[in-house]
C-alpha atoms as a PDB file:
ATOM      1  CA  PHE A   1      76.270 -30.175  26.677  1.00  0.00           C
ATOM      2  CA  ALA A   2      76.641 -26.607  25.403  1.00  0.00           C
ATOM      3  CA  ALA A   3      73.133 -26.763  23.957  1.00  0.00           C
ATOM      4  CA  LEU A   4      71.701 -27.828  27.330  1.00  0.00           C
ATOM      5  CA  ILE A   5      73.031 -24.761  29.191  1.00  0.00           C
ATOM      6  CA  ARG A   6      71.684 -22.209  26.719  1.00  0.00           C
ATOM      7  CA  PRO A   7      69.161 -19.787  28.281  1.00  0.00           C
ATOM      8  CA  VAL A   8      66.629 -20.584  25.560  1.00  0.00           C
ATOM      9  CA  VAL A   9      66.417 -24.085  27.032  1.00  0.00           C
ATOM     10  CA  TRP A  10      66.211 -23.256  30.708  1.00  0.00           C
ATOM     11  CA  PHE A  11      63.962 -20.242  31.165  1.00  0.00           C
ATOM     12  CA  PRO A  12      60.961 -21.999  29.541  1.00  0.00           C
ATOM     13  CA  VAL A  13      61.601 -24.924  31.922  1.00  0.00           C
ATOM     14  CA  PHE A  14      61.518 -22.609  34.927  1.00  0.00           C
ATOM     15  CA  THR A  15      58.409 -20.871  33.560  1.00  0.00           C
ATOM     16  CA  PHE A  16      56.491 -24.158  33.327  1.00  0.00           C
ATOM     17  CA  LEU A  17      57.785 -25.246  36.737  1.00  0.00           C
ATOM     18  CA  ALA A  18      56.642 -22.003  38.358  1.00  0.00           C
ATOM     19  CA  MET A  19      53.177 -22.356  36.792  1.00  0.00           C
ATOM     20  CA  MET A  20      52.840 -25.966  37.919  1.00  0.00           C
ATOM     21  CA  LEU A  21      53.921 -25.256  41.499  1.00  0.00           C
ATOM     22  CA  ALA A  22      51.654 -22.192  41.805  1.00  0.00           C
ATOM     23  CA  VAL A  23      48.631 -24.260  40.764  1.00  0.00           C
ATOM     24  CA  GLU A  24      49.676 -27.010  43.169  1.00  0.00           C
ATOM     25  CA  ALA A  25      49.870 -24.460  45.988  1.00  0.00           C
ATOM     26  CA  ARG A  26      46.332 -23.362  45.112  1.00  0.00           C
ATOM     27  CA  VAL A  27      44.704 -26.790  45.063  1.00  0.00           C
ATOM     28  CA  GLN A  28      46.755 -28.658  47.670  1.00  0.00           C
ATOM     29  CA  ARG A  29      44.785 -29.247  50.889  1.00  0.00           C
ATOM     30  CA  SER A  30      47.872 -29.956  52.980  1.00  0.00           C
ATOM     31  CA  PHE A  31      49.105 -26.562  54.144  1.00  0.00           C
ATOM     32  CA  THR A  32      52.696 -27.762  54.472  1.00  0.00           C
ATOM     33  CA  ILE A  33      52.823 -29.092  50.917  1.00  0.00           C
ATOM     34  CA  ALA A  34      50.990 -26.020  49.583  1.00  0.00           C
ATOM     35  CA  LEU A  35      53.462 -23.685  51.292  1.00  0.00           C
ATOM     36  CA  ALA A  36      56.410 -25.639  49.933  1.00  0.00           C
ATOM     37  CA  ALA A  37      54.904 -25.441  46.446  1.00  0.00           C
ATOM     38  CA  ALA A  38      54.373 -21.672  46.790  1.00  0.00           C
ATOM     39  CA  VAL A  39      57.985 -21.138  47.851  1.00  0.00           C
ATOM     40  CA  GLY A  40      59.125 -23.407  45.030  1.00  0.00           C
ATOM     41  CA  ALA A  41      57.103 -21.407  42.501  1.00  0.00           C
ATOM     42  CA  GLY A  42      58.851 -18.214  43.559  1.00  0.00           C
ATOM     43  CA  ALA A  43      62.242 -19.931  43.511  1.00  0.00           C
ATOM     44  CA  ALA A  44      61.575 -21.230  39.981  1.00  0.00           C
ATOM     45  CA  SER A  45      60.682 -17.743  38.748  1.00  0.00           C
ATOM     46  CA  ALA A  46      63.836 -16.316  40.352  1.00  0.00           C
ATOM     47  CA  ALA A  47      65.960 -19.076  38.797  1.00  0.00           C
ATOM     48  CA  GLY A  48      64.462 -18.262  35.396  1.00  0.00           C
ATOM     49  CA  ALA A  49      65.197 -14.566  36.012  1.00  0.00           C
ATOM     50  CA  LEU A  50      68.903 -15.427  36.084  1.00  0.00           C
ATOM     51  CA  PHE A  51      68.494 -15.969  32.329  1.00  0.00           C
ATOM     52  CA  VAL A  52      65.586 -13.595  31.560  1.00  0.00           C
ATOM     53  CA  PRO A  53      65.337 -10.948  34.328  1.00  0.00           C
ATOM     54  CA  LEU A  54      61.777  -9.993  33.399  1.00  0.00           C
ATOM     55  CA  MET A  55      60.636 -13.346  34.787  1.00  0.00           C
ATOM     56  CA  LEU A  56      60.823 -11.768  38.248  1.00  0.00           C
ATOM     57  CA  VAL A  57      57.322 -10.361  37.645  1.00  0.00           C
ATOM     58  CA  LEU A  58      55.951 -13.891  37.990  1.00  0.00           C
ATOM     59  CA  ALA A  59      56.556 -14.074  41.750  1.00  0.00           C
ATOM     60  CA  PRO A  60      54.508 -11.046  42.939  1.00  0.00           C
ATOM     61  CA  THR A  61      51.691 -11.951  40.553  1.00  0.00           C
ATOM     62  CA  MET A  62      51.579 -15.507  41.857  1.00  0.00           C
ATOM     63  CA  ALA A  63      51.609 -14.112  45.402  1.00  0.00           C
ATOM     64  CA  LEU A  64      48.482 -12.056  44.675  1.00  0.00           C
ATOM     65  CA  THR A  65      46.620 -15.001  43.131  1.00  0.00           C
ATOM     66  CA  LEU A  66      47.441 -17.233  46.110  1.00  0.00           C
ATOM     67  CA  LEU A  67      46.060 -14.627  48.510  1.00  0.00           C
ATOM     68  CA  GLY A  68      42.613 -15.129  47.030  1.00  0.00           C
ATOM     69  CA  LYS A  69      39.885 -16.926  48.923  1.00  0.00           C
ATOM     70  CA  ARG A  70      39.620 -20.561  47.945  1.00  0.00           C
ATOM     71  CA  GLY A  71      36.204 -22.120  47.442  1.00  0.00           C
ATOM     72  CA  ARG A  72      34.574 -24.577  45.093  1.00  0.00           C
ATOM     73  CA  ASP A  73      36.846 -23.446  42.267  1.00  0.00           C
ATOM     74  CA  ASP A  74      39.696 -25.400  43.860  1.00  0.00           C
ATOM     75  CA  ASP A  75      37.674 -28.357  45.132  1.00  0.00           C
ATOM     76  CA  ASP A  76      38.149 -31.344  42.867  1.00  0.00           C
ATOM     77  CA  ALA A  77      35.110 -32.945  44.460  1.00  0.00           C
ATOM     78  CA  GLY A  78      32.993 -30.048  43.243  1.00  0.00           C
ATOM     79  CA  SER A  79      31.162 -29.506  46.519  1.00  0.00           C
ATOM     80  CA  ASP A  80      29.675 -26.145  47.377  1.00  0.00           C
ATOM     81  CA  ASP A  81      31.342 -26.059  50.776  1.00  0.00           C
ATOM     82  CA  ASP A  82      33.855 -23.306  51.410  1.00  0.00           C
ATOM     83  CA  THR A  83      37.227 -24.994  51.664  1.00  0.00           C
ATOM     84  CA  SER A  84      39.195 -21.762  52.105  1.00  0.00           C
ATOM     85  CA  PRO A  85      42.199 -22.094  54.374  1.00  0.00           C
ATOM     86  CA  LYS A  86      42.498 -19.862  57.399  1.00  0.00           C
ATOM     87  CA  THR A  87      43.308 -16.241  56.721  1.00  0.00           C
ATOM     88  CA  TRP A  88      46.862 -16.542  57.986  1.00  0.00           C
ATOM     89  CA  HIS A  89      47.322 -19.610  55.804  1.00  0.00           C
ATOM     90  CA  ARG A  90      46.380 -17.559  52.741  1.00  0.00           C
ATOM     91  CA  PHE A  91      48.798 -14.799  53.704  1.00  0.00           C
ATOM     92  CA  ALA A  92      51.525 -17.380  54.219  1.00  0.00           C
ATOM     93  CA  LEU A  93      50.842 -18.886  50.789  1.00  0.00           C
ATOM     94  CA  GLY A  94      50.855 -15.407  49.269  1.00  0.00           C
ATOM     95  CA  ALA A  95      54.223 -14.701  50.857  1.00  0.00           C
ATOM     96  CA  GLY A  96      55.602 -18.045  49.656  1.00  0.00           C
ATOM     97  CA  PRO A  97      56.662 -16.951  46.138  1.00  0.00           C
ATOM     98  CA  LEU A  98      58.382 -13.872  47.542  1.00  0.00           C
ATOM     99  CA  VAL A  99      60.245 -16.016  50.055  1.00  0.00           C
ATOM    100  CA  GLY A 100      61.377 -18.237  47.183  1.00  0.00           C
ATOM    101  CA  VAL A 101      62.787 -15.217  45.365  1.00  0.00           C
ATOM    102  CA  VAL A 102      64.639 -14.092  48.494  1.00  0.00           C
ATOM    103  CA  LEU A 103      66.136 -17.564  48.977  1.00  0.00           C
ATOM    104  CA  VAL A 104      67.431 -17.722  45.402  1.00  0.00           C
ATOM    105  CA  GLY A 105      68.726 -14.164  45.720  1.00  0.00           C
ATOM    106  CA  ALA A 106      70.629 -15.136  48.863  1.00  0.00           C
ATOM    107  CA  MET A 107      72.152 -18.114  47.093  1.00  0.00           C
ATOM    108  CA  VAL A 108      73.180 -15.951  44.140  1.00  0.00           C
ATOM    109  CA  SER A 109      74.839 -13.456  46.506  1.00  0.00           C
ATOM    110  CA  ALA A 110      76.625 -16.245  48.364  1.00  0.00           C
ATOM    111  CA  PHE A 111      77.874 -18.362  45.477  1.00  0.00           C
ATOM    112  CA  LEU A 112      78.071 -16.135  42.396  1.00  0.00           C
ATOM    113  CA  PRO A 113      80.394 -13.148  41.896  1.00  0.00           C
ATOM    114  CA  PRO A 114      78.931  -9.610  42.175  1.00  0.00           C
ATOM    115  CA  SER A 115      79.512  -9.179  38.452  1.00  0.00           C
ATOM    116  CA  TYR A 116      76.684 -11.643  37.818  1.00  0.00           C
ATOM    117  CA  SER A 117      74.134  -9.185  39.247  1.00  0.00           C
ATOM    118  CA  ASP A 118      75.564  -6.515  36.954  1.00  0.00           C
ATOM    119  CA  GLY A 119      75.096  -8.926  34.070  1.00  0.00           C
ATOM    120  CA  VAL A 120      71.422  -9.351  34.944  1.00  0.00           C
ATOM    121  CA  VAL A 121      70.889  -5.579  34.732  1.00  0.00           C
ATOM    122  CA  ARG A 122      72.809  -5.447  31.457  1.00  0.00           C
ATOM    123  CA  GLN A 123      70.422  -8.075  30.112  1.00  0.00           C
ATOM    124  CA  LEU A 124      67.568  -5.684  30.931  1.00  0.00           C
ATOM    125  CA  SER A 125      69.359  -3.005  28.910  1.00  0.00           C
ATOM    126  CA  PHE A 126      69.919  -5.485  26.074  1.00  0.00           C
ATOM    127  CA  ASP A 127      66.202  -6.343  26.004  1.00  0.00           C
ATOM    128  CA  LEU A 128      65.114  -2.706  26.129  1.00  0.00           C
ATOM    129  CA  ALA A 129      67.591  -1.720  23.411  1.00  0.00           C
ATOM    130  CA  GLN A 130      65.951  -4.214  21.061  1.00  0.00           C
ATOM    131  CA  ARG A 131      62.579  -2.604  21.659  1.00  0.00           C
ATOM    132  CA  ILE A 132      64.049   0.850  21.124  1.00  0.00           C
ATOM    133  CA  GLY A 133      65.305  -0.347  17.747  1.00  0.00           C
ATOM    134  CA  TYR A 134      61.672  -0.246  16.605  1.00  0.00           C
ATOM    135  CA  HIS A 135      61.755   3.539  17.058  1.00  0.00           C
ATOM    136  CA  ASN A 136      63.483   3.533  13.660  1.00  0.00           C
ATOM    137  CA  MET A 137      60.137   2.636  12.104  1.00  0.00           C
ATOM    138  CA  SER A 138      59.812   5.372   9.534  1.00  0.00           C
ATOM    139  CA  SER A 139      56.276   5.272   8.137  1.00  0.00           C
ATOM    140  CA  VAL A 140      52.679   4.270   8.759  1.00  0.00           C
ATOM    141  CA  HIS A 141      53.065   1.745   5.928  1.00  0.00           C
ATOM    142  CA  VAL A 142      55.819  -0.102   7.801  1.00  0.00           C
ATOM    143  CA  TRP A 143      53.839   0.144  11.046  1.00  0.00           C
ATOM    144  CA  ALA A 144      50.788  -1.434   9.353  1.00  0.00           C
ATOM    145  CA  ALA A 145      52.968  -4.199   7.917  1.00  0.00           C
ATOM    146  CA  SER A 146      54.336  -4.889  11.400  1.00  0.00           C
ATOM    147  CA  LEU A 147      50.784  -5.684  12.537  1.00  0.00           C
ATOM    148  CA  ILE A 148      50.136  -8.169   9.732  1.00  0.00           C
ATOM    149  CA  LEU A 149      53.367  -9.956   8.838  1.00  0.00           C
ATOM    150  CA  PRO A 150      53.919 -11.649  12.248  1.00  0.00           C
ATOM    151  CA  ILE A 151      50.458 -13.290  12.118  1.00  0.00           C
ATOM    152  CA  PRO A 152      50.839 -16.982  11.230  1.00  0.00           C
ATOM    153  CA  GLY A 153      49.297 -17.783   7.866  1.00  0.00           C
ATOM    154  CA  LEU A 154      48.222 -14.250   7.021  1.00  0.00           C
ATOM    155  CA  GLY A 155      51.763 -12.999   7.456  1.00  0.00           C
ATOM    156  CA  GLY A 156      53.050 -15.478   4.888  1.00  0.00           C
ATOM    157  CA  ILE A 157      50.686 -14.054   2.300  1.00  0.00           C
ATOM    158  CA  GLY A 158      51.595 -10.528   3.370  1.00  0.00           C
ATOM    159  CA  GLN A 159      55.291 -11.170   2.841  1.00  0.00           C
ATOM    160  CA  LEU A 160      54.594 -11.984  -0.791  1.00  0.00           C
ATOM    161  CA  LEU A 161      52.984  -8.559  -1.233  1.00  0.00           C
ATOM    162  CA  ALA A 162      55.194  -6.433   1.021  1.00  0.00           C
ATOM    163  CA  ALA A 163      58.444  -4.853  -0.090  1.00  0.00           C
ATOM    164  CA  PRO A 164      61.415  -7.125   0.781  1.00  0.00           C
ATOM    165  CA  GLU A 165      63.016  -4.347   2.841  1.00  0.00           C
ATOM    166  CA  THR A 166      59.849  -3.918   4.908  1.00  0.00           C
ATOM    167  CA  ALA A 167      59.442  -7.653   5.454  1.00  0.00           C
ATOM    168  CA  ALA A 168      63.064  -7.955   6.577  1.00  0.00           C
ATOM    169  CA  LYS A 169      62.640  -5.219   9.168  1.00  0.00           C
ATOM    170  CA  VAL A 170      59.508  -6.511  10.879  1.00  0.00           C
ATOM    171  CA  SER A 171      59.686 -10.298  10.369  1.00  0.00           C
ATOM    172  CA  GLY A 172      61.647 -12.942  12.203  1.00  0.00           C
ATOM    173  CA  MET A 173      63.569 -12.699  15.453  1.00  0.00           C
ATOM    174  CA  TYR A 174      67.205 -11.853  14.731  1.00  0.00           C
ATOM    175  CA  GLN A 175      67.304 -11.481  10.982  1.00  0.00           C
ATOM    176  CA  PRO A 176      69.643  -8.929   9.377  1.00  0.00           C
ATOM    177  CA  ARG A 177      68.088  -5.450   9.074  1.00  0.00           C
ATOM    178  CA  ASN A 178      65.429  -6.383  11.641  1.00  0.00           C
ATOM    179  CA  PHE A 179      64.526  -3.483  13.944  1.00  0.00           C
ATOM    180  CA  ALA A 180      65.527  -5.531  17.008  1.00  0.00           C
ATOM    181  CA  VAL A 181      68.957  -6.156  15.458  1.00  0.00           C
ATOM    182  CA  GLN A 182      69.281  -2.426  14.809  1.00  0.00           C
ATOM    183  CA  GLY A 183      68.684  -1.845  18.504  1.00  0.00           C
ATOM    184  CA  ILE A 184      71.401  -4.346  19.396  1.00  0.00           C
ATOM    185  CA  ALA A 185      73.897  -2.848  16.939  1.00  0.00           C
ATOM    186  CA  GLU A 186      73.184   0.851  17.517  1.00  0.00           C
ATOM    187  CA  VAL A 187      71.479   1.484  20.854  1.00  0.00           C
ATOM    188  CA  TYR A 188      72.936  -1.124  23.197  1.00  0.00           C
ATOM    189  CA  PRO A 189      76.611  -0.199  22.617  1.00  0.00           C
ATOM    190  CA  LEU A 190      75.788   3.443  23.299  1.00  0.00           C
ATOM    191  CA  SER A 191      74.164   2.528  26.604  1.00  0.00           C
ATOM    192  CA  GLN A 192      77.164   0.462  27.694  1.00  0.00           C
ATOM    193  CA  ALA A 193      79.493   3.347  26.882  1.00  0.00           C
ATOM    194  CA  GLN A 194      77.764   5.583  29.427  1.00  0.00           C
ATOM    195  CA  PRO A 195      79.515   6.188  32.765  1.00  0.00           C
ATOM    196  CA  GLY A 196      78.107   4.766  35.954  1.00  0.00           C
ATOM    197  CA  SER A 197      76.640   1.472  37.059  1.00  0.00           C
ATOM    198  CA  PRO A 198      74.694  -0.927  34.817  1.00  0.00           C
ATOM    199  CA  PHE A 199      71.500   0.344  36.462  1.00  0.00           C
ATOM    200  CA  ALA A 200      72.453   3.946  35.611  1.00  0.00           C
ATOM    201  CA  GLN A 201      72.996   2.829  32.009  1.00  0.00           C
ATOM    202  CA  TYR A 202      69.523   1.281  32.012  1.00  0.00           C
ATOM    203  CA  ILE A 203      68.009   4.531  33.278  1.00  0.00           C
ATOM    204  CA  TRP A 204      69.945   6.369  30.551  1.00  0.00           C
ATOM    205  CA  LEU A 205      68.073   4.344  27.920  1.00  0.00           C
ATOM    206  CA  TRP A 206      64.752   5.457  29.370  1.00  0.00           C
ATOM    207  CA  GLN A 207      65.756   9.079  29.629  1.00  0.00           C
ATOM    208  CA  THR A 208      67.326   9.255  26.181  1.00  0.00           C
ATOM    209  CA  TYR A 209      64.962   7.212  24.024  1.00  0.00           C
ATOM    210  CA  ILE A 210      61.634   6.800  25.789  1.00  0.00           C
ATOM    211  CA  ILE A 211      60.708   9.665  28.121  1.00  0.00           C
ATOM    212  CA  GLY A 212      60.960  12.199  25.316  1.00  0.00           C
ATOM    213  CA  ASN A 213      59.339   9.875  22.756  1.00  0.00           C
ATOM    214  CA  LEU A 214      56.527   8.488  24.854  1.00  0.00           C
ATOM    215  CA  GLY A 215      53.974   8.774  22.041  1.00  0.00           C
ATOM    216  CA  LEU A 216      56.099   6.620  19.733  1.00  0.00           C
ATOM    217  CA  TYR A 217      56.814   4.172  22.558  1.00  0.00           C
ATOM    218  CA  LEU A 218      53.086   3.697  23.179  1.00  0.00           C
ATOM    219  CA  ALA A 219      52.211   3.554  19.477  1.00  0.00           C
ATOM    220  CA  LEU A 220      54.556   0.593  19.093  1.00  0.00           C
ATOM    221  CA  ILE A 221      52.751  -1.485  21.734  1.00  0.00           C
ATOM    222  CA  PRO A 222      50.505  -3.280  19.162  1.00  0.00           C
ATOM    223  CA  THR A 223      53.552  -4.024  16.985  1.00  0.00           C
ATOM    224  CA  ILE A 224      55.573  -5.439  19.863  1.00  0.00           C
ATOM    225  CA  ALA A 225      52.605  -7.356  21.295  1.00  0.00           C
ATOM    226  CA  ILE A 226      51.697  -9.138  18.087  1.00  0.00           C
ATOM    227  CA  LYS A 227      55.294 -10.319  17.622  1.00  0.00           C
ATOM    228  CA  GLY A 228      55.260 -12.572  20.656  1.00  0.00           C
ATOM    229  CA  VAL A 229      51.632 -13.402  21.352  1.00  0.00           C
ATOM    230  CA  TRP A 230      51.723 -16.531  19.183  1.00  0.00           C
ATOM    231  CA  ALA A 231      54.602 -17.994  21.245  1.00  0.00           C
ATOM    232  CA  GLY A 232      55.901 -19.862  18.230  1.00  0.00           C
ATOM    233  CA  ALA A 233      52.741 -21.963  18.032  1.00  0.00           C
ATOM    234  CA  GLY A 234      51.933 -20.987  14.437  1.00  0.00           C
ATOM    235  CA  LEU A 235      48.349 -21.390  13.275  1.00  0.00           C
ATOM    236  CA  SER A 236      47.602 -23.385  16.415  1.00  0.00           C
ATOM    237  CA  GLY A 237      48.412 -20.242  18.387  1.00  0.00           C
ATOM    238  CA  VAL A 238      45.905 -18.250  16.337  1.00  0.00           C
ATOM    239  CA  LEU A 239      43.162 -20.794  17.032  1.00  0.00           C
ATOM    240  CA  ALA A 240      44.113 -21.121  20.691  1.00  0.00           C
ATOM    241  CA  LEU A 241      44.156 -17.374  21.308  1.00  0.00           C
ATOM    242  CA  ALA A 242      40.542 -17.258  20.154  1.00  0.00           C
ATOM    243  CA  HIS A 243      39.681 -19.865  22.813  1.00  0.00           C
ATOM    244  CA  ILE A 244      41.065 -17.881  25.762  1.00  0.00           C
ATOM    245  CA  PRO A 245      37.886 -15.745  26.254  1.00  0.00           C
ATOM    246  CA  ARG A 246      35.725 -18.872  25.989  1.00  0.00           C
ATOM    247  CA  ALA A 247      37.904 -20.704  28.524  1.00  0.00           C
ATOM    248  CA  ILE A 248      37.632 -17.758  30.930  1.00  0.00           C
ATOM    249  CA  ALA A 249      33.850 -17.730  30.569  1.00  0.00           C
ATOM    250  CA  TYR A 250      33.574 -21.489  31.180  1.00  0.00           C
ATOM    251  CA  HIS A 251      35.781 -21.256  34.268  1.00  0.00           C
ATOM    252  CA  LYS A 252      33.466 -18.586  35.680  1.00  0.00           C
ATOM    253  CA  VAL A 253      30.448 -20.798  35.041  1.00  0.00           C
ATOM    254  CA  ASP A 254      32.220 -23.780  36.641  1.00  0.00           C
ATOM    255  CA  LYS A 255      33.278 -21.617  39.603  1.00  0.00           C
ATOM    256  CA  ARG A 256      36.932 -22.367  38.902  1.00  0.00           C
ATOM    257  CA  PHE A 257      37.947 -18.881  37.823  1.00  0.00           C
ATOM    258  CA  GLY A 258      40.346 -18.392  40.743  1.00  0.00           C
ATOM    259  CA  LEU A 259      42.198 -21.546  39.850  1.00  0.00           C
ATOM    260  CA  PHE A 260      42.457 -20.492  36.213  1.00  0.00           C
ATOM    261  CA  MET A 261      43.812 -17.072  37.176  1.00  0.00           C
ATOM    262  CA  THR A 262      46.545 -18.696  39.258  1.00  0.00           C
ATOM    263  CA  ALA A 263      48.038 -19.956  36.005  1.00  0.00           C
ATOM    264  CA  PHE A 264      46.806 -17.251  33.634  1.00  0.00           C
ATOM    265  CA  ALA A 265      47.584 -14.034  35.538  1.00  0.00           C
ATOM    266  CA  PRO A 266      51.365 -14.526  35.991  1.00  0.00           C
ATOM    267  CA  ILE A 267      51.854 -15.412  32.327  1.00  0.00           C
ATOM    268  CA  ALA A 268      49.679 -12.461  31.241  1.00  0.00           C
ATOM    269  CA  VAL A 269      51.695 -10.073  33.418  1.00  0.00           C
ATOM    270  CA  LEU A 270      54.950 -11.507  32.048  1.00  0.00           C
ATOM    271  CA  PHE A 271      53.649 -10.985  28.526  1.00  0.00           C
ATOM    272  CA  ALA A 272      52.809  -7.357  29.363  1.00  0.00           C
ATOM    273  CA  ALA A 273      56.297  -6.853  30.807  1.00  0.00           C
ATOM    274  CA  ASN A 274      57.820  -8.311  27.640  1.00  0.00           C
ATOM    275  CA  VAL A 275      55.761  -5.914  25.523  1.00  0.00           C
ATOM    276  CA  LEU A 276      56.740  -2.850  27.550  1.00  0.00           C
ATOM    277  CA  LEU A 277      60.369  -3.656  28.347  1.00  0.00           C
ATOM    278  CA  SER A 278      61.658  -5.828  25.495  1.00  0.00           C
ATOM    279  CA  ALA A 279      61.135  -6.673  21.843  1.00  0.00           C
ATOM    280  CA  ASN A 280      58.810  -9.457  23.065  1.00  0.00           C
ATOM    281  CA  LEU A 281      60.623 -12.391  21.495  1.00  0.00           C
ATOM    282  CA  TRP A 282      58.260 -15.320  21.188  1.00  0.00           C
ATOM    283  CA  VAL A 283      60.647 -17.541  23.163  1.00  0.00           C
ATOM    284  CA  TYR A 284      60.099 -15.248  26.177  1.00  0.00           C
ATOM    285  CA  ASN A 285      56.431 -16.249  26.171  1.00  0.00           C
ATOM    286  CA  ALA A 286      56.789 -20.010  26.476  1.00  0.00           C
ATOM    287  CA  GLY A 287      54.141 -20.051  29.204  1.00  0.00           C
ATOM    288  CA  LEU A 288      51.526 -19.018  26.645  1.00  0.00           C
ATOM    289  CA  ILE A 289      51.930 -22.388  24.921  1.00  0.00           C
ATOM    290  CA  ALA A 290      50.726 -24.210  28.033  1.00  0.00           C
ATOM    291  CA  LEU A 291      47.824 -21.790  28.454  1.00  0.00           C
ATOM    292  CA  TYR A 292      46.805 -22.137  24.813  1.00  0.00           C
ATOM    293  CA  ALA A 293      46.811 -25.929  24.983  1.00  0.00           C
ATOM    294  CA  TYR A 294      44.808 -25.902  28.211  1.00  0.00           C
ATOM    295  CA  ALA A 295      42.299 -23.321  26.910  1.00  0.00           C
ATOM    296  CA  MET A 296      41.619 -25.315  23.754  1.00  0.00           C
ATOM    297  CA  ALA A 297      41.172 -28.557  25.709  1.00  0.00           C
ATOM    298  CA  TYR A 298      38.924 -26.952  28.327  1.00  0.00           C
ATOM    299  CA  ALA A 299      36.757 -25.192  25.737  1.00  0.00           C
ATOM    300  CA  ALA A 300      36.480 -28.354  23.635  1.00  0.00           C
ATOM    301  CA  ASP A 301      35.391 -30.307  26.711  1.00  0.00           C
ATOM    302  CA  HIS A 302      32.469 -27.882  27.153  1.00  0.00           C
ATOM    303  CA  TYR A 303      31.108 -27.953  23.611  1.00  0.00           C
END
């Protein structure tokens, strides 16, 4: 039972559920069912945010994709007729994910203690502290290794050639001496020792470690991005990532680009948030696995 309530189990579930419901809201011709799916998508993202707060970015992104005009790209029959719902229907669908977030927020306020909201903000600080741990990167050599070692296949060869100390710092998720672990051990306790609210402690991290070191923060974007972009898919993730541009191109040709973006855009925005505001753990990017599988299948179907 303890394993079933771990966050690592539930936030991927809510990610997949939000994706599925957003797509259903896009393609469903019954306005009532589509609206319920849109609200459910927002509620799923908010429920996932109780474990990983950055998942809140899913809801506004889904809202924007559902505002788009619907045409042949959502018509399973493939006709050229415009099947777009009325304008107010589109605005209602766009508002649906935000309404779902508000509903979950109301339930959290009603049934959970106020300290839970403080815990959510502390999780943001915990995530950011891990990213700040990479500011301890001391040389261009280590930075270059951080771009190679996380790549499935190539990284395994690189670890044989890299110094053990370097490999330990940039490889894995929570291995000893890893930069993310350094952030947890050194930066996070300092933030929690600051006076004020959990939000003030989060702002303190930005003011102390990032605002004055913006160049280093930006230079680490490739390092942080490449850590989580494979989403734990190994070599399959490498192959699938190469199929994303092809899948996008085929969806444009098939006039189904809007439908594709309904699933792709929220996960892409979440990935960007993970890169900018956390150490981008691969488990935070579970939605990429679904996109990779779909992209490979769609591209293969068009060969």
